[in-house]
């Protein structure tokens, strides 16, 4: 996304990851959006067609609550999502983060 809308990078990244996996937002049991600012998640969920109070969204708290360690956010997200899928018995999760300057990253995790 253009750098002026920094923070929304997870939206196209999530769309691309879901497309590659043959999934949609409706198929997900867990959605982890890593945020440096609380308002960032609101913009992302709005563009993803979700509600901010969706129970699948950051159910254990996001980066503000749990932390977003420098250089380790991806690992923290993947582990948090894998553990939550295990606890809940869910199958699919998507994890995403804004890298800055309009970039985003996302991955789909499947519990088998």
N, C-alpha and C. Protein backbone atom coordinates (compact mmCIF):
# COMPACT_ATOMS: atom_id res chain seq x y z
N UNK A 1 0.85 -1.18 0.00
CA UNK A 1 0.00 0.00 0.00
C UNK A 1 0.89 1.24 0.00
N UNK A 2 0.38 2.36 -0.41
CA UNK A 2 1.19 3.58 -0.40
C UNK A 2 1.66 3.90 1.03
N UNK A 3 2.88 4.40 1.18
CA UNK A 3 3.40 4.71 2.51
C UNK A 3 2.51 5.64 3.33
N UNK A 4 1.73 6.49 2.69
CA UNK A 4 0.87 7.42 3.43
C UNK A 4 -0.25 6.71 4.19
N UNK A 5 -0.54 5.47 3.83
CA UNK A 5 -1.55 4.70 4.57
C UNK A 5 -0.86 3.55 5.32
N UNK A 6 0.35 3.83 5.78
CA UNK A 6 1.12 2.87 6.56
C UNK A 6 0.22 2.28 7.65
N UNK A 7 0.35 1.02 7.86
CA UNK A 7 -0.47 0.35 8.86
C UNK A 7 -1.50 -0.57 8.24
N UNK A 8 -1.84 -0.33 6.98
CA UNK A 8 -2.82 -1.17 6.30
C UNK A 8 -2.16 -2.25 5.44
N UNK A 9 -0.86 -2.36 5.50
CA UNK A 9 -0.13 -3.37 4.75
C UNK A 9 -0.60 -4.79 4.99
N UNK A 10 -1.07 -5.14 6.21
CA UNK A 10 -1.56 -6.50 6.42
C UNK A 10 -2.76 -6.87 5.56
N UNK A 11 -3.55 -5.90 5.14
CA UNK A 11 -4.78 -6.21 4.39
C UNK A 11 -4.47 -6.92 3.07
N UNK A 12 -3.67 -6.34 2.17
CA UNK A 12 -3.38 -7.08 0.93
C UNK A 12 -2.54 -8.33 1.19
N UNK A 13 -1.70 -8.30 2.22
CA UNK A 13 -0.90 -9.49 2.54
C UNK A 13 -1.79 -10.65 2.98
N UNK A 14 -2.80 -10.36 3.80
CA UNK A 14 -3.74 -11.39 4.24
C UNK A 14 -4.51 -11.92 3.03
N UNK A 15 -4.98 -11.01 2.18
CA UNK A 15 -5.72 -11.42 0.99
C UNK A 15 -4.90 -12.36 0.11
N UNK A 16 -3.64 -12.03 -0.09
CA UNK A 16 -2.78 -12.86 -0.94
C UNK A 16 -2.51 -14.22 -0.29
N UNK A 17 -2.24 -14.23 1.02
CA UNK A 17 -1.99 -15.50 1.72
C UNK A 17 -3.22 -16.40 1.68
N UNK A 18 -4.39 -15.81 1.92
CA UNK A 18 -5.63 -16.60 1.88
C UNK A 18 -5.90 -17.14 0.48
N UNK A 19 -5.65 -16.31 -0.53
CA UNK A 19 -5.86 -16.74 -1.91
C UNK A 19 -4.95 -17.92 -2.25
N UNK A 20 -3.71 -17.84 -1.86
CA UNK A 20 -2.76 -18.93 -2.13
C UNK A 20 -3.17 -20.22 -1.42
N UNK A 21 -3.80 -20.08 -0.24
CA UNK A 21 -4.23 -21.26 0.53
C UNK A 21 -5.62 -21.74 0.12
N UNK A 22 -6.30 -20.99 -0.76
CA UNK A 22 -7.65 -21.36 -1.17
C UNK A 22 -8.67 -21.15 -0.08
N UNK A 23 -8.44 -20.15 0.77
CA UNK A 23 -9.32 -19.87 1.91
C UNK A 23 -9.87 -18.46 1.83
N UNK A 24 -10.85 -18.18 2.68
CA UNK A 24 -11.38 -16.83 2.85
C UNK A 24 -11.38 -16.52 4.34
N UNK A 25 -11.65 -15.27 4.67
CA UNK A 25 -11.71 -14.86 6.08
C UNK A 25 -12.71 -15.71 6.85
N UNK A 26 -13.80 -16.10 6.20
CA UNK A 26 -14.83 -16.91 6.86
C UNK A 26 -14.32 -18.29 7.28
N UNK A 27 -13.29 -18.79 6.61
CA UNK A 27 -12.74 -20.12 6.92
C UNK A 27 -11.82 -20.13 8.14
N UNK A 28 -11.44 -18.96 8.60
CA UNK A 28 -10.44 -18.85 9.66
C UNK A 28 -11.03 -19.03 11.05
N UNK A 29 -10.28 -19.72 11.90
CA UNK A 29 -10.65 -19.87 13.30
C UNK A 29 -9.95 -18.83 14.17
N UNK A 30 -8.89 -18.25 13.65
CA UNK A 30 -8.09 -17.29 14.40
C UNK A 30 -7.46 -16.28 13.45
N UNK A 31 -7.49 -15.02 13.84
CA UNK A 31 -6.89 -13.95 13.05
C UNK A 31 -6.02 -13.13 13.98
N UNK A 32 -4.72 -13.15 13.74
CA UNK A 32 -3.77 -12.38 14.54
C UNK A 32 -3.24 -11.24 13.70
N UNK A 33 -3.57 -10.02 14.09
CA UNK A 33 -3.04 -8.84 13.41
C UNK A 33 -2.14 -8.13 14.41
N UNK A 34 -0.86 -8.16 14.14
CA UNK A 34 0.14 -7.52 15.00
C UNK A 34 0.04 -6.01 14.79
N UNK A 35 -0.05 -5.26 15.86
CA UNK A 35 -0.21 -3.82 15.71
C UNK A 35 0.74 -3.07 16.62
N UNK A 36 1.26 -1.98 16.10
CA UNK A 36 2.04 -1.07 16.92
C UNK A 36 1.14 0.00 17.50
N UNK A 37 -0.01 0.22 16.87
CA UNK A 37 -0.98 1.22 17.29
C UNK A 37 -2.37 0.58 17.24
N UNK A 38 -3.18 0.78 18.26
CA UNK A 38 -4.49 0.14 18.34
C UNK A 38 -5.37 0.48 17.14
N UNK A 39 -5.32 1.71 16.67
CA UNK A 39 -6.18 2.12 15.56
C UNK A 39 -5.84 1.36 14.28
N UNK A 40 -4.63 0.86 14.17
CA UNK A 40 -4.24 0.11 12.97
C UNK A 40 -5.13 -1.10 12.77
N UNK A 41 -5.44 -1.83 13.82
CA UNK A 41 -6.28 -3.02 13.71
C UNK A 41 -7.67 -2.63 13.23
N UNK A 42 -8.19 -1.51 13.72
CA UNK A 42 -9.53 -1.07 13.30
C UNK A 42 -9.58 -0.84 11.79
N UNK A 43 -8.57 -0.20 11.25
CA UNK A 43 -8.52 0.01 9.80
C UNK A 43 -8.42 -1.29 9.03
N UNK A 44 -7.61 -2.21 9.54
CA UNK A 44 -7.43 -3.50 8.86
C UNK A 44 -8.72 -4.32 8.88
N UNK A 45 -9.35 -4.44 10.05
CA UNK A 45 -10.57 -5.26 10.11
C UNK A 45 -11.68 -4.65 9.28
N UNK A 46 -11.75 -3.34 9.23
CA UNK A 46 -12.76 -2.68 8.40
C UNK A 46 -12.55 -3.05 6.93
N UNK A 47 -11.32 -2.98 6.47
CA UNK A 47 -11.04 -3.30 5.07
C UNK A 47 -11.17 -4.79 4.76
N UNK A 48 -11.05 -5.63 5.79
CA UNK A 48 -11.22 -7.07 5.60
C UNK A 48 -12.69 -7.49 5.70
N UNK A 49 -13.58 -6.52 5.99
CA UNK A 49 -15.00 -6.81 6.10
C UNK A 49 -15.37 -7.50 7.40
N UNK A 50 -14.58 -7.29 8.42
CA UNK A 50 -14.81 -7.90 9.73
C UNK A 50 -15.32 -6.87 10.72
N UNK A 51 -15.79 -7.36 11.84
CA UNK A 51 -16.18 -6.50 12.95
C UNK A 51 -15.02 -6.42 13.94
N UNK A 52 -14.84 -5.27 14.54
CA UNK A 52 -13.76 -5.10 15.51
C UNK A 52 -13.94 -5.98 16.74
N UNK A 53 -15.15 -6.45 16.99
CA UNK A 53 -15.38 -7.31 18.16
C UNK A 53 -15.48 -8.79 17.77
N UNK A 54 -14.98 -9.15 16.60
CA UNK A 54 -14.96 -10.55 16.16
C UNK A 54 -14.12 -11.36 17.16
N UNK A 55 -14.68 -12.41 17.70
CA UNK A 55 -14.00 -13.20 18.73
C UNK A 55 -12.75 -13.92 18.22
N UNK A 56 -12.60 -14.02 16.91
CA UNK A 56 -11.42 -14.68 16.33
C UNK A 56 -10.20 -13.76 16.28
N UNK A 57 -10.42 -12.48 16.48
CA UNK A 57 -9.38 -11.47 16.32
C UNK A 57 -8.57 -11.28 17.60
N UNK A 58 -7.28 -11.57 17.52
CA UNK A 58 -6.36 -11.38 18.66
C UNK A 58 -7.00 -11.77 19.99
N UNK A 59 -7.48 -13.01 20.14
CA UNK A 59 -8.21 -13.38 21.35
C UNK A 59 -7.38 -13.32 22.64
N UNK A 60 -6.07 -13.36 22.53
CA UNK A 60 -5.21 -13.28 23.72
C UNK A 60 -4.60 -11.89 23.89
N UNK A 61 -5.08 -10.95 23.11
CA UNK A 61 -4.50 -9.61 23.10
C UNK A 61 -3.52 -9.51 21.93
N UNK A 62 -3.29 -8.33 21.48
CA UNK A 62 -2.38 -8.12 20.36
C UNK A 62 -1.00 -7.72 20.83
N UNK A 63 -0.26 -7.10 19.95
CA UNK A 63 1.12 -6.74 20.24
C UNK A 63 1.23 -5.73 21.37
N UNK A 64 0.24 -4.88 21.52
CA UNK A 64 0.29 -3.90 22.61
C UNK A 64 0.20 -4.62 23.95
N UNK A 65 -0.62 -5.65 24.03
CA UNK A 65 -0.79 -6.39 25.28
C UNK A 65 0.31 -7.42 25.51
N UNK A 66 0.66 -8.17 24.46
CA UNK A 66 1.61 -9.27 24.60
C UNK A 66 3.05 -8.82 24.35
N UNK A 67 3.22 -7.93 23.41
CA UNK A 67 4.54 -7.44 23.04
C UNK A 67 4.85 -7.74 21.58
N UNK A 68 5.72 -6.95 21.03
CA UNK A 68 6.19 -7.17 19.66
C UNK A 68 7.70 -6.97 19.66
N UNK A 69 8.42 -8.03 20.08
CA UNK A 69 9.87 -7.93 20.24
C UNK A 69 10.57 -7.64 18.91
N UNK A 70 11.49 -6.72 18.94
CA UNK A 70 12.23 -6.33 17.76
C UNK A 70 12.89 -7.54 17.11
N UNK A 71 12.56 -7.78 15.86
CA UNK A 71 13.14 -8.89 15.12
C UNK A 71 12.51 -10.25 15.41
N UNK A 72 11.54 -10.30 16.30
CA UNK A 72 10.92 -11.58 16.67
C UNK A 72 9.41 -11.58 16.56
N UNK A 73 8.82 -10.54 16.01
CA UNK A 73 7.36 -10.46 15.94
C UNK A 73 6.76 -11.63 15.19
N UNK A 74 7.37 -12.02 14.08
CA UNK A 74 6.84 -13.15 13.30
C UNK A 74 6.85 -14.44 14.10
N UNK A 75 7.93 -14.69 14.81
CA UNK A 75 8.01 -15.90 15.64
C UNK A 75 6.98 -15.86 16.76
N UNK A 76 6.83 -14.70 17.39
CA UNK A 76 5.85 -14.55 18.47
C UNK A 76 4.44 -14.79 17.94
N UNK A 77 4.13 -14.24 16.77
CA UNK A 77 2.81 -14.42 16.17
C UNK A 77 2.55 -15.88 15.83
N UNK A 78 3.51 -16.53 15.19
CA UNK A 78 3.33 -17.93 14.79
C UNK A 78 3.12 -18.83 16.00
N UNK A 79 3.90 -18.63 17.05
CA UNK A 79 3.76 -19.45 18.25
C UNK A 79 2.44 -19.18 18.95
N UNK A 80 2.06 -17.91 19.09
CA UNK A 80 0.79 -17.56 19.72
C UNK A 80 -0.37 -18.20 18.96
N UNK A 81 -0.34 -18.12 17.64
CA UNK A 81 -1.43 -18.68 16.82
C UNK A 81 -1.46 -20.20 16.91
N UNK A 82 -0.30 -20.84 16.83
CA UNK A 82 -0.26 -22.30 16.91
C UNK A 82 -0.78 -22.80 18.25
N UNK A 83 -0.40 -22.13 19.32
CA UNK A 83 -0.87 -22.53 20.65
C UNK A 83 -2.38 -22.31 20.80
N UNK A 84 -2.89 -21.20 20.25
CA UNK A 84 -4.32 -20.92 20.34
C UNK A 84 -5.12 -21.93 19.52
N UNK A 85 -4.63 -22.31 18.34
CA UNK A 85 -5.31 -23.33 17.54
C UNK A 85 -5.34 -24.65 18.31
N UNK A 86 -4.25 -24.99 18.97
CA UNK A 86 -4.17 -26.22 19.75
C UNK A 86 -5.18 -26.19 20.90
N UNK A 87 -5.23 -25.08 21.63
CA UNK A 87 -6.15 -24.95 22.77
C UNK A 87 -7.61 -25.00 22.34
N UNK A 88 -7.91 -24.32 21.23
CA UNK A 88 -9.31 -24.18 20.81
C UNK A 88 -9.79 -25.31 19.91
N UNK A 89 -8.86 -26.09 19.37
CA UNK A 89 -9.23 -27.14 18.43
C UNK A 89 -9.51 -26.60 17.04
N UNK A 90 -9.13 -25.35 16.79
CA UNK A 90 -9.34 -24.74 15.48
C UNK A 90 -8.40 -25.33 14.44
N UNK A 91 -8.69 -25.03 13.18
CA UNK A 91 -7.88 -25.58 12.09
C UNK A 91 -6.99 -24.53 11.42
N UNK A 92 -7.57 -23.37 11.08
CA UNK A 92 -6.83 -22.37 10.32
C UNK A 92 -6.67 -21.06 11.08
N UNK A 93 -5.49 -20.48 10.93
CA UNK A 93 -5.21 -19.15 11.47
C UNK A 93 -4.47 -18.36 10.40
N UNK A 94 -4.62 -17.06 10.47
CA UNK A 94 -3.77 -16.19 9.66
C UNK A 94 -3.08 -15.25 10.64
N UNK A 95 -1.79 -15.04 10.42
CA UNK A 95 -1.03 -14.09 11.21
C UNK A 95 -0.51 -13.03 10.26
N UNK A 96 -0.46 -11.79 10.73
CA UNK A 96 -0.02 -10.72 9.86
C UNK A 96 0.63 -9.61 10.66
N UNK A 97 1.47 -8.87 9.97
CA UNK A 97 2.07 -7.71 10.61
C UNK A 97 2.42 -6.66 9.57
N UNK A 98 2.43 -5.44 10.03
CA UNK A 98 2.83 -4.30 9.21
C UNK A 98 4.34 -4.17 9.36
N UNK A 99 5.02 -4.09 8.25
CA UNK A 99 6.48 -3.98 8.29
C UNK A 99 6.91 -2.52 8.28
N UNK A 100 6.01 -1.64 7.92
CA UNK A 100 6.32 -0.22 7.85
C UNK A 100 6.39 0.24 6.41
N UNK A 101 6.26 1.52 6.20
CA UNK A 101 6.31 2.16 4.89
C UNK A 101 5.35 1.51 3.90
N UNK A 102 4.23 0.96 4.40
CA UNK A 102 3.21 0.39 3.53
C UNK A 102 3.33 -1.10 3.27
N UNK A 103 4.37 -1.72 3.75
CA UNK A 103 4.55 -3.16 3.52
C UNK A 103 3.79 -3.97 4.56
N UNK A 104 3.46 -5.19 4.21
CA UNK A 104 2.80 -6.10 5.13
C UNK A 104 3.24 -7.52 4.87
N UNK A 105 3.03 -8.36 5.85
CA UNK A 105 3.41 -9.76 5.75
C UNK A 105 2.30 -10.58 6.38
N UNK A 106 1.99 -11.73 5.79
CA UNK A 106 0.96 -12.61 6.36
C UNK A 106 1.30 -14.06 6.05
N UNK A 107 0.83 -14.93 6.91
CA UNK A 107 1.01 -16.37 6.71
C UNK A 107 -0.22 -17.10 7.22
N UNK A 108 -0.56 -18.19 6.57
CA UNK A 108 -1.65 -19.05 7.00
C UNK A 108 -1.04 -20.24 7.73
N UNK A 109 -1.62 -20.57 8.88
CA UNK A 109 -1.17 -21.72 9.67
C UNK A 109 -2.32 -22.71 9.74
N UNK A 110 -2.02 -23.98 9.49
CA UNK A 110 -3.03 -25.03 9.59
C UNK A 110 -2.63 -26.02 10.67
N UNK A 111 -3.55 -26.31 11.58
CA UNK A 111 -3.32 -27.35 12.59
C UNK A 111 -3.78 -28.66 11.99
N UNK A 112 -2.90 -29.64 11.97
CA UNK A 112 -3.24 -30.95 11.39
C UNK A 112 -3.19 -32.03 12.46
